[in-house]
Amino acid sequence: MEILLSMVLGITILLFVLISRKVSENFANIFLLLLLGTTISGSLYVIFAQIFSIQNCKLTALIDAMPSVLGSFIFLYVRYSTKLLQKFQRLDALHFLPFIVSVPLFFFDTGIEKTPVITFILNIVLKILVSIIYLIFALNLLRKYKTFAINHFSNSEKIDLKWLRFLVIIGLISYSVYFSTMLLWFFDINIVSHIELYSNLIVILFILPISYYGLTATNVFVKISRTEAEIPPQTVEVKINSEPKIKEPKALVSSEKADEIYENLQNLLQKSKLYRNEDLMLEDLATELKTHAKYLSNVINTKSGKSFFDFINSYRIAEFNQEVLNNSNMRLTFLAIAFNCGFGSKSAFNRAYKNEMGMSPSEFLKKYEKSEL
């Protein structure tokens, strides 16, 4: 087990070095660094403790308390990524309280004041249950992020941050296994020997994929935050002629300004066909139109009744319908035409087409051919 832990540790250190270069691009990555640094320290301590038989000391207290802060780091990574925060918020220091409380409890748990209650609070509640709660909070943030995402991304593969939600769920499963193991340990039922090695390995195996995807997904968050910073909000007169219906977006600009932005947007898409870019984002169009992304999103919502995601896909589908009827494209497959129109995958195209047209592409083609007869 020590050999396996050492191999995974080496990969973790490599990820730490790679992510350290990404902090300047995305502040949220600092929490990935803290996450990796914590697990590296804990794993090194476990390995050296096995080799040199290290006894309880102040360093042991810090290392032993580290699991209580892992859930906080994951939650803060999700929060700072989805909220596009670029500096540490003071109130977020409260999320480190479980760790601060765990350190003195370690000395009580190993000293003459040791009681089952302190052992339970330290090893079960602070180390595991707190992290499980933070992972649940992280899932809730990702759920709320979906509304934001459909008004910024035109690529369905990036809408839900499914990779991150999946990893948080894996984290919940890992911590649940950890919880069950430690609960049995608390009642003197040891199902495995060297429980500290297994607990560290479970945590590290979860952290490796979240670190990898943190490296590859950084550009999405960076692009949004930079655009938001480059185009400051303008003071625009708000005029609402009538009360909005339930669930309808409230207009943020005057009707005249909204008409102007919407007309310019339609002209831009018709002439430049920017929707053919599968990674097109709201911020890209806002930059082209020299307006703020918040106002552009609101105009799209109020004028078209659609999210940015559905709005862009409607242009892609309209072009697909034209191209699939073009005799010069008879040798091309539906998927090839869909890719040319801006879709990034077969599944994304099929879902969007069915949602927009109420039928499949083949059904549309058959309907057209029948109407021509």
Protein backbone atom coordinates (compact mmCIF):
# COMPACT_ATOMS: atom_id res chain seq x y z
CA MET A 1 0.00 0.00 0.00
CA GLU A 2 2.88 2.36 0.77
CA ILE A 3 4.25 1.84 -2.75
CA LEU A 4 0.88 2.63 -4.36
CA LEU A 5 0.47 5.68 -2.13
CA SER A 6 3.95 6.87 -3.12
CA MET A 7 3.15 6.53 -6.84
CA VAL A 8 -0.07 8.51 -6.54
CA LEU A 9 1.78 11.05 -4.41
CA GLY A 10 4.30 11.64 -7.20
CA ILE A 11 1.48 12.37 -9.66
CA THR A 12 -0.13 14.71 -7.11
CA ILE A 13 3.10 16.68 -6.76
CA LEU A 14 3.29 17.00 -10.56
CA LEU A 15 -0.28 18.34 -10.66
CA PHE A 16 0.60 20.79 -7.89
CA VAL A 17 3.43 22.21 -10.01
CA LEU A 18 1.23 22.46 -13.13
CA ILE A 19 -1.69 24.11 -11.34
CA SER A 20 0.61 26.60 -9.59
CA ARG A 21 1.24 28.08 -13.05
CA LYS A 22 -2.49 28.57 -13.58
CA VAL A 23 -3.31 30.58 -10.47
CA SER A 24 -2.67 33.88 -12.24
CA GLU A 25 -5.25 32.91 -14.88
CA ASN A 26 -7.94 31.71 -12.52
CA PHE A 27 -7.90 32.61 -8.83
CA ALA A 28 -10.09 29.60 -7.99
CA ASN A 29 -7.12 27.35 -8.71
CA ILE A 30 -5.53 28.51 -5.46
CA PHE A 31 -8.00 26.24 -3.67
CA LEU A 32 -6.92 23.33 -5.84
CA LEU A 33 -3.35 24.12 -4.79
CA LEU A 34 -4.37 24.14 -1.13
CA LEU A 35 -6.24 20.88 -1.69
CA LEU A 36 -3.23 19.24 -3.30
CA GLY A 37 -0.79 20.73 -0.79
CA THR A 38 -2.86 19.40 2.09
CA THR A 39 -3.00 15.87 0.71
CA ILE A 40 0.69 15.91 -0.21
CA SER A 41 1.58 16.90 3.36
CA GLY A 42 -0.72 14.28 4.84
CA SER A 43 0.52 11.50 2.58
CA LEU A 44 4.18 12.34 3.18
CA TYR A 45 3.56 12.30 6.91
CA VAL A 46 1.82 8.92 6.74
CA ILE A 47 4.69 7.42 4.72
CA PHE A 48 7.41 8.82 7.00
CA ALA A 49 5.45 7.91 10.13
CA GLN A 50 5.41 4.29 8.96
CA ILE A 51 9.16 4.33 8.26
CA PHE A 52 10.43 6.30 11.27
CA SER A 53 7.65 5.60 13.80
CA ILE A 54 6.93 9.29 14.43
CA GLN A 55 5.19 9.95 17.74
CA ASN A 56 2.45 12.45 18.49
CA CYS A 57 3.66 16.05 18.22
CA LYS A 58 2.47 19.48 17.09
CA LEU A 59 3.06 18.54 13.46
CA THR A 60 0.97 15.43 14.00
CA ALA A 61 -1.89 17.61 15.26
CA LEU A 62 -1.83 19.78 12.13
CA ILE A 63 -1.64 16.78 9.79
CA ASP A 64 -4.33 14.92 11.67
CA ALA A 65 -6.68 17.92 11.39
CA MET A 66 -6.19 18.37 7.64
CA PRO A 67 -9.06 16.11 6.44
CA SER A 68 -11.48 18.54 8.12
CA VAL A 69 -10.65 21.25 5.58
CA LEU A 70 -10.69 19.25 2.32
CA GLY A 71 -14.43 19.66 1.79
CA SER A 72 -14.05 23.41 2.35
CA PHE A 73 -11.40 23.65 -0.38
CA ILE A 74 -13.59 21.80 -2.88
CA PHE A 75 -16.59 23.98 -2.04
CA LEU A 76 -14.52 27.17 -2.37
CA TYR A 77 -13.05 25.99 -5.69
CA VAL A 78 -16.56 25.49 -7.09
CA ARG A 79 -17.78 28.78 -5.59
CA TYR A 80 -14.92 30.90 -6.88
CA SER A 81 -15.07 29.23 -10.31
CA THR A 82 -18.81 29.59 -10.87
CA LYS A 83 -19.06 33.03 -9.24
CA LEU A 84 -15.99 34.27 -11.15
CA LEU A 85 -14.46 35.69 -7.97
CA GLN A 86 -10.93 37.01 -8.45
CA LYS A 87 -9.84 37.66 -4.87
CA PHE A 88 -10.38 36.08 -1.49
CA GLN A 89 -13.52 37.14 0.35
CA ARG A 90 -12.91 37.74 4.07
CA LEU A 91 -16.05 35.95 5.25
CA ASP A 92 -14.85 32.80 3.51
CA ALA A 93 -12.23 32.46 6.23
CA LEU A 94 -15.06 31.05 8.36
CA HIS A 95 -14.95 27.91 6.23
CA PHE A 96 -11.63 27.04 7.90
CA LEU A 97 -13.17 26.87 11.38
CA PRO A 98 -13.49 23.05 11.37
CA PHE A 99 -9.73 22.82 10.86
CA ILE A 100 -8.99 25.37 13.60
CA VAL A 101 -11.22 23.47 16.03
CA SER A 102 -9.70 20.11 15.08
CA VAL A 103 -6.12 21.05 16.06
CA PRO A 104 -6.70 21.53 19.84
CA LEU A 105 -9.12 18.57 19.86
CA PHE A 106 -6.26 16.35 18.68
CA PHE A 107 -4.33 16.99 21.91
CA PHE A 108 -7.40 16.23 23.99
CA ASP A 109 -8.00 13.07 21.94
CA THR A 110 -4.46 11.83 22.54
CA GLY A 111 -4.01 13.09 26.10
CA ILE A 112 -5.41 12.21 29.47
CA GLU A 113 -8.66 14.06 28.66
CA LYS A 114 -9.42 11.58 25.87
CA THR A 115 -13.09 10.59 25.77
CA PRO A 116 -15.27 8.77 23.20
CA VAL A 117 -17.15 12.03 22.61
CA ILE A 118 -14.01 13.96 21.61
CA THR A 119 -12.83 11.06 19.45
CA PHE A 120 -16.18 10.96 17.66
CA ILE A 121 -16.33 14.73 17.11
CA LEU A 122 -12.76 14.86 15.79
CA ASN A 123 -12.59 11.74 13.62
CA ILE A 124 -16.19 11.39 12.46
CA VAL A 125 -17.86 14.81 12.55
CA LEU A 126 -15.07 17.30 11.76
CA LYS A 127 -12.98 15.11 9.47
CA ILE A 128 -15.76 13.49 7.45
CA LEU A 129 -19.31 14.77 8.01
CA VAL A 130 -18.28 18.41 7.59
CA SER A 131 -16.65 17.61 4.23
CA ILE A 132 -19.73 15.67 3.13
CA ILE A 133 -21.88 18.72 3.94
CA TYR A 134 -19.54 20.97 1.96
CA LEU A 135 -19.70 18.60 -1.03
CA ILE A 136 -23.50 18.78 -0.90
CA PHE A 137 -23.24 22.60 -0.85
CA ALA A 138 -20.93 22.38 -3.87
CA LEU A 139 -23.54 20.33 -5.76
CA ASN A 140 -26.15 22.97 -4.97
CA LEU A 141 -23.87 25.69 -6.38
CA LEU A 142 -23.46 23.69 -9.58
CA ARG A 143 -27.24 23.35 -9.86
CA LYS A 144 -27.63 27.12 -9.61
CA TYR A 145 -24.82 27.59 -12.11
CA LYS A 146 -26.93 25.92 -14.82
CA THR A 147 -29.11 29.02 -15.21
CA PHE A 148 -26.02 31.16 -15.64
CA ALA A 149 -24.44 28.70 -18.08
CA ILE A 150 -27.30 28.50 -20.58
CA ASN A 151 -27.08 32.28 -20.94
CA HIS A 152 -23.33 32.27 -21.63
CA PHE A 153 -22.40 29.10 -23.52
CA SER A 154 -23.52 27.86 -26.92
CA ASN A 155 -21.70 24.54 -26.52
CA SER A 156 -23.82 22.03 -24.62
CA GLU A 157 -20.75 20.12 -23.49
CA LYS A 158 -19.88 23.06 -21.20
CA ILE A 159 -23.31 23.95 -19.90
CA ASP A 160 -23.56 22.00 -16.66
CA LEU A 161 -19.90 21.52 -15.79
CA LYS A 162 -20.89 17.85 -15.78
CA TRP A 163 -17.30 16.83 -15.20
CA LEU A 164 -17.17 18.82 -11.97
CA ARG A 165 -20.57 17.67 -10.78
CA PHE A 166 -19.56 14.06 -11.49
CA LEU A 167 -16.34 14.50 -9.52
CA VAL A 168 -18.13 16.05 -6.56
CA ILE A 169 -20.50 13.07 -6.56
CA ILE A 170 -17.50 10.75 -6.64
CA GLY A 171 -16.15 12.74 -3.70
CA LEU A 172 -19.39 12.18 -1.82
CA ILE A 173 -19.17 8.45 -2.48
CA SER A 174 -15.51 8.39 -1.40
CA TYR A 175 -16.25 10.26 1.81
CA SER A 176 -19.24 8.01 2.48
CA VAL A 177 -16.96 4.97 2.26
CA TYR A 178 -14.48 6.82 4.47
CA PHE A 179 -17.30 7.60 6.91
CA SER A 180 -18.44 3.97 7.08
CA THR A 181 -14.88 2.74 7.62
CA MET A 182 -14.17 5.26 10.37
CA LEU A 183 -17.52 4.56 12.04
CA LEU A 184 -16.64 0.87 12.24
CA TRP A 185 -13.21 1.84 13.56
CA PHE A 186 -14.85 3.97 16.25
CA PHE A 187 -16.73 0.89 17.48
CA ASP A 188 -13.50 -1.17 17.39
CA ILE A 189 -14.48 -3.04 14.24
CA ASN A 190 -11.35 -2.84 12.07
CA ILE A 191 -12.17 -4.12 8.61
CA VAL A 192 -8.73 -3.07 7.27
CA SER A 193 -5.29 -2.67 8.78
CA HIS A 194 -3.42 0.63 8.48
CA ILE A 195 -6.67 2.57 8.13
CA GLU A 196 -4.79 5.86 7.77
CA LEU A 197 -3.20 4.63 4.51
CA TYR A 198 -6.55 3.69 3.01
CA SER A 199 -8.20 6.94 4.07
CA ASN A 200 -5.41 8.98 2.47
CA LEU A 201 -5.55 6.90 -0.69
CA ILE A 202 -9.33 7.40 -1.03
CA VAL A 203 -8.90 11.17 -0.73
CA ILE A 204 -6.01 11.32 -3.20
CA LEU A 205 -7.78 9.21 -5.83
CA PHE A 206 -10.62 11.73 -5.72
CA ILE A 207 -8.36 14.76 -5.87
CA LEU A 208 -6.36 13.61 -8.92
CA PRO A 209 -9.23 13.89 -11.46
CA ILE A 210 -10.58 17.16 -10.04
CA SER A 211 -7.08 18.62 -10.39
CA TYR A 212 -6.71 17.38 -13.96
CA TYR A 213 -10.04 18.87 -15.02
CA GLY A 214 -9.21 22.02 -13.12
CA LEU A 215 -6.24 22.42 -15.44
CA THR A 216 -8.18 21.78 -18.65
CA ALA A 217 -11.33 23.76 -17.79
CA THR A 218 -9.67 26.96 -16.59
CA ASN A 219 -10.03 28.80 -19.93
CA VAL A 220 -13.82 28.76 -19.77
CA PHE A 221 -13.91 30.73 -16.51
CA VAL A 222 -11.05 33.00 -17.53
CA LYS A 223 -12.80 34.03 -20.74
CA ILE A 224 -15.94 35.10 -18.90
CA SER A 225 -14.17 36.96 -16.12
CA ARG A 226 -11.85 38.85 -18.47
CA THR A 227 -14.70 39.98 -20.69
CA GLU A 228 -16.74 41.11 -17.70
CA ALA A 229 -13.74 43.14 -16.51
CA GLU A 230 -13.01 44.69 -19.91
CA ILE A 231 -16.54 45.96 -20.54
CA PRO A 232 -17.82 47.92 -17.52
CA PRO A 233 -21.59 48.18 -17.05
CA GLN A 234 -23.16 51.28 -18.51
CA THR A 235 -25.85 53.36 -16.91
CA VAL A 236 -28.93 52.72 -19.02
CA GLU A 237 -32.39 54.13 -18.43
CA VAL A 238 -34.84 51.40 -17.53
CA LYS A 239 -38.40 51.73 -18.80
CA ILE A 240 -40.96 49.02 -18.36
CA ASN A 241 -44.31 49.66 -20.01
CA SER A 242 -46.16 46.79 -18.41
CA GLU A 243 -45.82 44.31 -15.59
CA PRO A 244 -43.87 41.24 -16.69
CA LYS A 245 -45.56 37.88 -16.67
CA ILE A 246 -44.53 35.23 -14.17
CA LYS A 247 -41.11 33.76 -14.95
CA GLU A 248 -40.50 36.30 -17.73
CA PRO A 249 -37.18 38.14 -17.50
CA LYS A 250 -37.43 41.77 -16.41
CA ALA A 251 -36.10 44.28 -18.93
CA LEU A 252 -32.85 45.96 -17.91
CA VAL A 253 -32.80 48.55 -20.71
CA SER A 254 -35.35 50.79 -22.39
CA SER A 255 -37.41 49.27 -25.20
CA GLU A 256 -35.65 51.52 -27.75
CA LYS A 257 -32.21 50.43 -26.59
CA ALA A 258 -33.29 46.77 -26.50
CA ASP A 259 -34.59 47.03 -30.08
CA GLU A 260 -31.29 48.54 -31.20
CA ILE A 261 -29.17 45.85 -29.51
CA TYR A 262 -31.38 43.04 -30.82
CA GLU A 263 -31.33 44.38 -34.40
CA ASN A 264 -27.56 44.76 -34.29
CA LEU A 265 -27.25 41.24 -32.93
CA GLN A 266 -29.38 39.76 -35.71
CA ASN A 267 -27.42 41.64 -38.36
CA LEU A 268 -24.14 40.50 -36.85
CA LEU A 269 -25.16 36.83 -36.82
CA GLN A 270 -26.58 36.94 -40.34
CA LYS A 271 -23.51 38.61 -41.83
CA SER A 272 -20.65 37.07 -39.85
CA LYS A 273 -22.28 33.71 -39.02
CA LEU A 274 -20.42 33.64 -35.71
CA TYR A 275 -22.77 30.88 -34.56
CA ARG A 276 -20.67 28.48 -36.64
CA ASN A 277 -18.08 28.68 -33.88
CA GLU A 278 -19.04 25.78 -31.60
CA ASP A 279 -17.41 27.50 -28.61
CA LEU A 280 -19.16 30.83 -29.15
CA MET A 281 -19.97 32.57 -25.89
CA LEU A 282 -22.21 35.45 -24.90
CA GLU A 283 -19.10 37.48 -24.09
CA ASP A 284 -17.85 37.09 -27.67
CA LEU A 285 -21.01 38.71 -29.06
CA ALA A 286 -21.03 41.37 -26.35
CA THR A 287 -17.51 42.35 -27.36
CA GLU A 288 -18.50 42.54 -31.03
CA LEU A 289 -21.54 44.68 -30.20
CA LYS A 290 -19.61 46.80 -27.67
CA THR A 291 -22.18 46.29 -24.97
CA HIS A 292 -22.22 44.59 -21.59
CA ALA A 293 -22.87 40.84 -21.55
CA LYS A 294 -25.53 41.28 -18.85
CA TYR A 295 -27.58 43.58 -21.05
CA LEU A 296 -27.13 41.44 -24.14
CA SER A 297 -28.27 38.36 -22.25
CA ASN A 298 -31.34 40.20 -21.00
CA VAL A 299 -32.20 41.46 -24.49
CA ILE A 300 -31.96 37.93 -25.91
CA ASN A 301 -34.16 36.59 -23.11
CA THR A 302 -36.83 39.27 -23.43
CA LYS A 303 -36.89 39.62 -27.24
CA SER A 304 -36.59 35.98 -28.29
CA GLY A 305 -37.98 34.29 -25.19
CA LYS A 306 -34.97 31.97 -25.29
CA SER A 307 -31.73 31.47 -23.43
CA PHE A 308 -28.49 32.34 -25.21
CA PHE A 309 -27.88 28.62 -25.73
CA ASP A 310 -31.24 28.05 -27.43
CA PHE A 311 -31.03 31.32 -29.34
CA ILE A 312 -27.70 30.47 -30.98
CA ASN A 313 -28.83 26.93 -31.70
CA SER A 314 -31.89 28.28 -33.51
CA TYR A 315 -29.55 30.00 -36.00
CA ARG A 316 -27.54 26.83 -36.40
CA ILE A 317 -30.65 24.77 -37.03
CA ALA A 318 -32.02 27.32 -39.50
CA GLU A 319 -28.79 27.08 -41.50
CA PHE A 320 -28.82 23.29 -41.24
CA ASN A 321 -32.33 23.20 -42.72
CA GLN A 322 -31.15 25.31 -45.64
CA GLU A 323 -27.99 23.31 -46.22
CA VAL A 324 -29.62 19.89 -45.97
CA LEU A 325 -31.97 20.90 -48.81
CA ASN A 326 -29.09 22.17 -50.92
CA ASN A 327 -28.38 19.72 -53.75
CA SER A 328 -24.66 20.39 -53.50
CA ASN A 329 -24.69 18.83 -50.01
CA MET A 330 -26.44 15.60 -50.97
CA ARG A 331 -23.28 13.57 -50.37
CA LEU A 332 -22.79 14.98 -46.89
CA THR A 333 -24.23 13.29 -43.81
CA PHE A 334 -26.52 15.11 -41.40
CA LEU A 335 -23.72 15.18 -38.86
CA ALA A 336 -21.21 16.71 -41.28
CA ILE A 337 -23.66 19.50 -42.11
CA ALA A 338 -24.42 19.99 -38.41
CA PHE A 339 -20.71 20.37 -37.64
CA ASN A 340 -20.40 22.98 -40.40
CA CYS A 341 -23.26 24.90 -38.79
CA GLY A 342 -21.58 25.07 -35.37
CA PHE A 343 -22.65 21.97 -33.46
CA GLY A 344 -19.88 20.20 -31.56
CA SER A 345 -21.34 16.72 -31.20
CA LYS A 346 -24.06 14.43 -32.54
CA SER A 347 -25.90 14.29 -29.23
CA ALA A 348 -25.91 18.09 -28.88
CA PHE A 349 -27.25 18.47 -32.42
CA ASN A 350 -30.01 15.88 -32.01
CA ARG A 351 -31.21 17.35 -28.70
CA ALA A 352 -31.21 20.92 -30.01
CA TYR A 353 -32.92 19.99 -33.28
CA LYS A 354 -35.68 18.01 -31.58
CA ASN A 355 -36.23 20.86 -29.10
CA GLU A 356 -36.41 23.53 -31.83
CA MET A 357 -38.24 21.68 -34.61
CA GLY A 358 -40.24 19.10 -32.71
CA MET A 359 -38.99 16.38 -35.06
CA SER A 360 -35.79 14.67 -36.15
CA PRO A 361 -33.73 15.87 -39.17
CA SER A 362 -34.81 12.84 -41.19
CA GLU A 363 -38.47 13.56 -40.42
CA PHE A 364 -37.97 17.17 -41.52
CA LEU A 365 -36.45 16.02 -44.82
CA LYS A 366 -39.26 13.54 -45.48
CA LYS A 367 -41.86 16.21 -44.71
CA TYR A 368 -40.19 18.59 -47.17
CA GLU A 369 -39.99 15.94 -49.90
CA LYS A 370 -43.68 15.13 -49.50
CA SER A 371 -44.61 18.81 -49.79
CA GLU A 372 -42.66 19.01 -53.07
CA LEU A 373 -44.63 16.17 -54.64
